[in-house]
């Protein structure tokens, strides 16, 4: 996971706790989670579109090869 061990993750969490405080930390975590989910959904959509485009380009070529 990006070369971070458990010790580094604990240090990052403690620093985040000090910076944001215990009341805002859950909201920050939720916002980060939502942003990551939206990014993942967007990349999945792009991946699907690229696959559809590749299949559309390669399918007619393979159909014409079968006819010959």
Protein backbone atom coordinates (compact mmCIF):
# COMPACT_ATOMS: atom_id res chain seq x y z
CA UNK A 1 0.00 0.00 0.00
CA UNK A 2 2.23 2.77 -1.32
CA UNK A 3 5.11 1.51 0.80
CA UNK A 4 3.48 2.64 4.05
CA UNK A 5 3.75 0.39 7.03
CA UNK A 6 1.54 0.31 10.10
CA UNK A 7 3.78 2.75 11.97
CA UNK A 8 3.58 5.36 9.23
CA UNK A 9 -0.20 5.00 9.03
CA UNK A 10 -0.54 5.52 12.78
CA UNK A 11 1.63 8.65 12.60
CA UNK A 12 -0.50 10.02 9.74
CA UNK A 13 -3.71 9.32 11.69
CA UNK A 14 -2.34 11.04 14.81
CA UNK A 15 -1.30 14.09 12.78
CA UNK A 16 -4.74 14.21 11.14
CA UNK A 17 -6.36 13.96 14.57
CA UNK A 18 -4.28 16.87 15.85
CA UNK A 19 -4.95 19.02 12.78
CA UNK A 20 -8.68 18.39 12.33
CA UNK A 21 -9.70 17.48 15.87
CA UNK A 22 -11.87 14.59 16.98
CA UNK A 23 -15.16 16.22 15.96
CA UNK A 24 -14.21 16.93 12.33
CA UNK A 25 -12.15 13.81 11.64
CA UNK A 26 -15.14 11.56 10.78
CA UNK A 27 -16.46 14.18 8.35
CA UNK A 28 -13.04 14.46 6.71
CA UNK A 29 -12.83 10.68 6.41
CA UNK A 30 -16.29 10.53 4.87
CA UNK A 31 -15.40 13.23 2.35
CA UNK A 32 -12.20 11.44 1.38
CA UNK A 33 -14.11 8.17 0.99
CA UNK A 34 -16.73 9.80 -1.22
CA UNK A 35 -14.05 11.41 -3.37
CA UNK A 36 -12.25 8.09 -3.81
CA UNK A 37 -15.52 6.35 -4.71
CA UNK A 38 -16.35 9.03 -7.29
CA UNK A 39 -12.86 8.75 -8.78
CA UNK A 40 -13.14 4.96 -8.98
CA UNK A 41 -16.57 5.18 -10.62
CA UNK A 42 -15.25 7.67 -13.18
CA UNK A 43 -12.26 5.52 -14.04
CA UNK A 44 -14.52 2.47 -14.38
CA UNK A 45 -16.74 4.38 -16.83
CA UNK A 46 -13.72 5.47 -18.87
CA UNK A 47 -12.42 1.91 -18.87
CA UNK A 48 -15.77 0.60 -20.13
CA UNK A 49 -15.91 3.24 -22.88
CA UNK A 50 -12.39 2.40 -24.03
CA UNK A 51 -13.23 -1.30 -24.11
CA UNK A 52 -16.40 -0.62 -26.13
CA UNK A 53 -14.42 1.51 -28.58
CA UNK A 54 -11.74 -1.13 -28.97
CA UNK A 55 -14.35 -3.84 -29.52
CA UNK A 56 -16.18 -1.68 -32.07
CA UNK A 57 -12.97 -1.10 -34.00
CA UNK A 58 -11.80 -4.70 -33.90
CA UNK A 59 -15.17 -6.40 -34.48
CA UNK A 60 -15.74 -5.25 -38.07
CA UNK A 61 -12.20 -6.26 -39.00
CA UNK A 62 -12.67 -9.76 -37.67
CA UNK A 63 -16.08 -10.02 -39.38
CA UNK A 64 -14.60 -9.06 -42.76
CA UNK A 65 -11.77 -11.56 -42.27
CA UNK A 66 -14.33 -14.33 -41.72
CA UNK A 67 -16.15 -13.45 -44.94
CA UNK A 68 -13.01 -13.75 -47.06
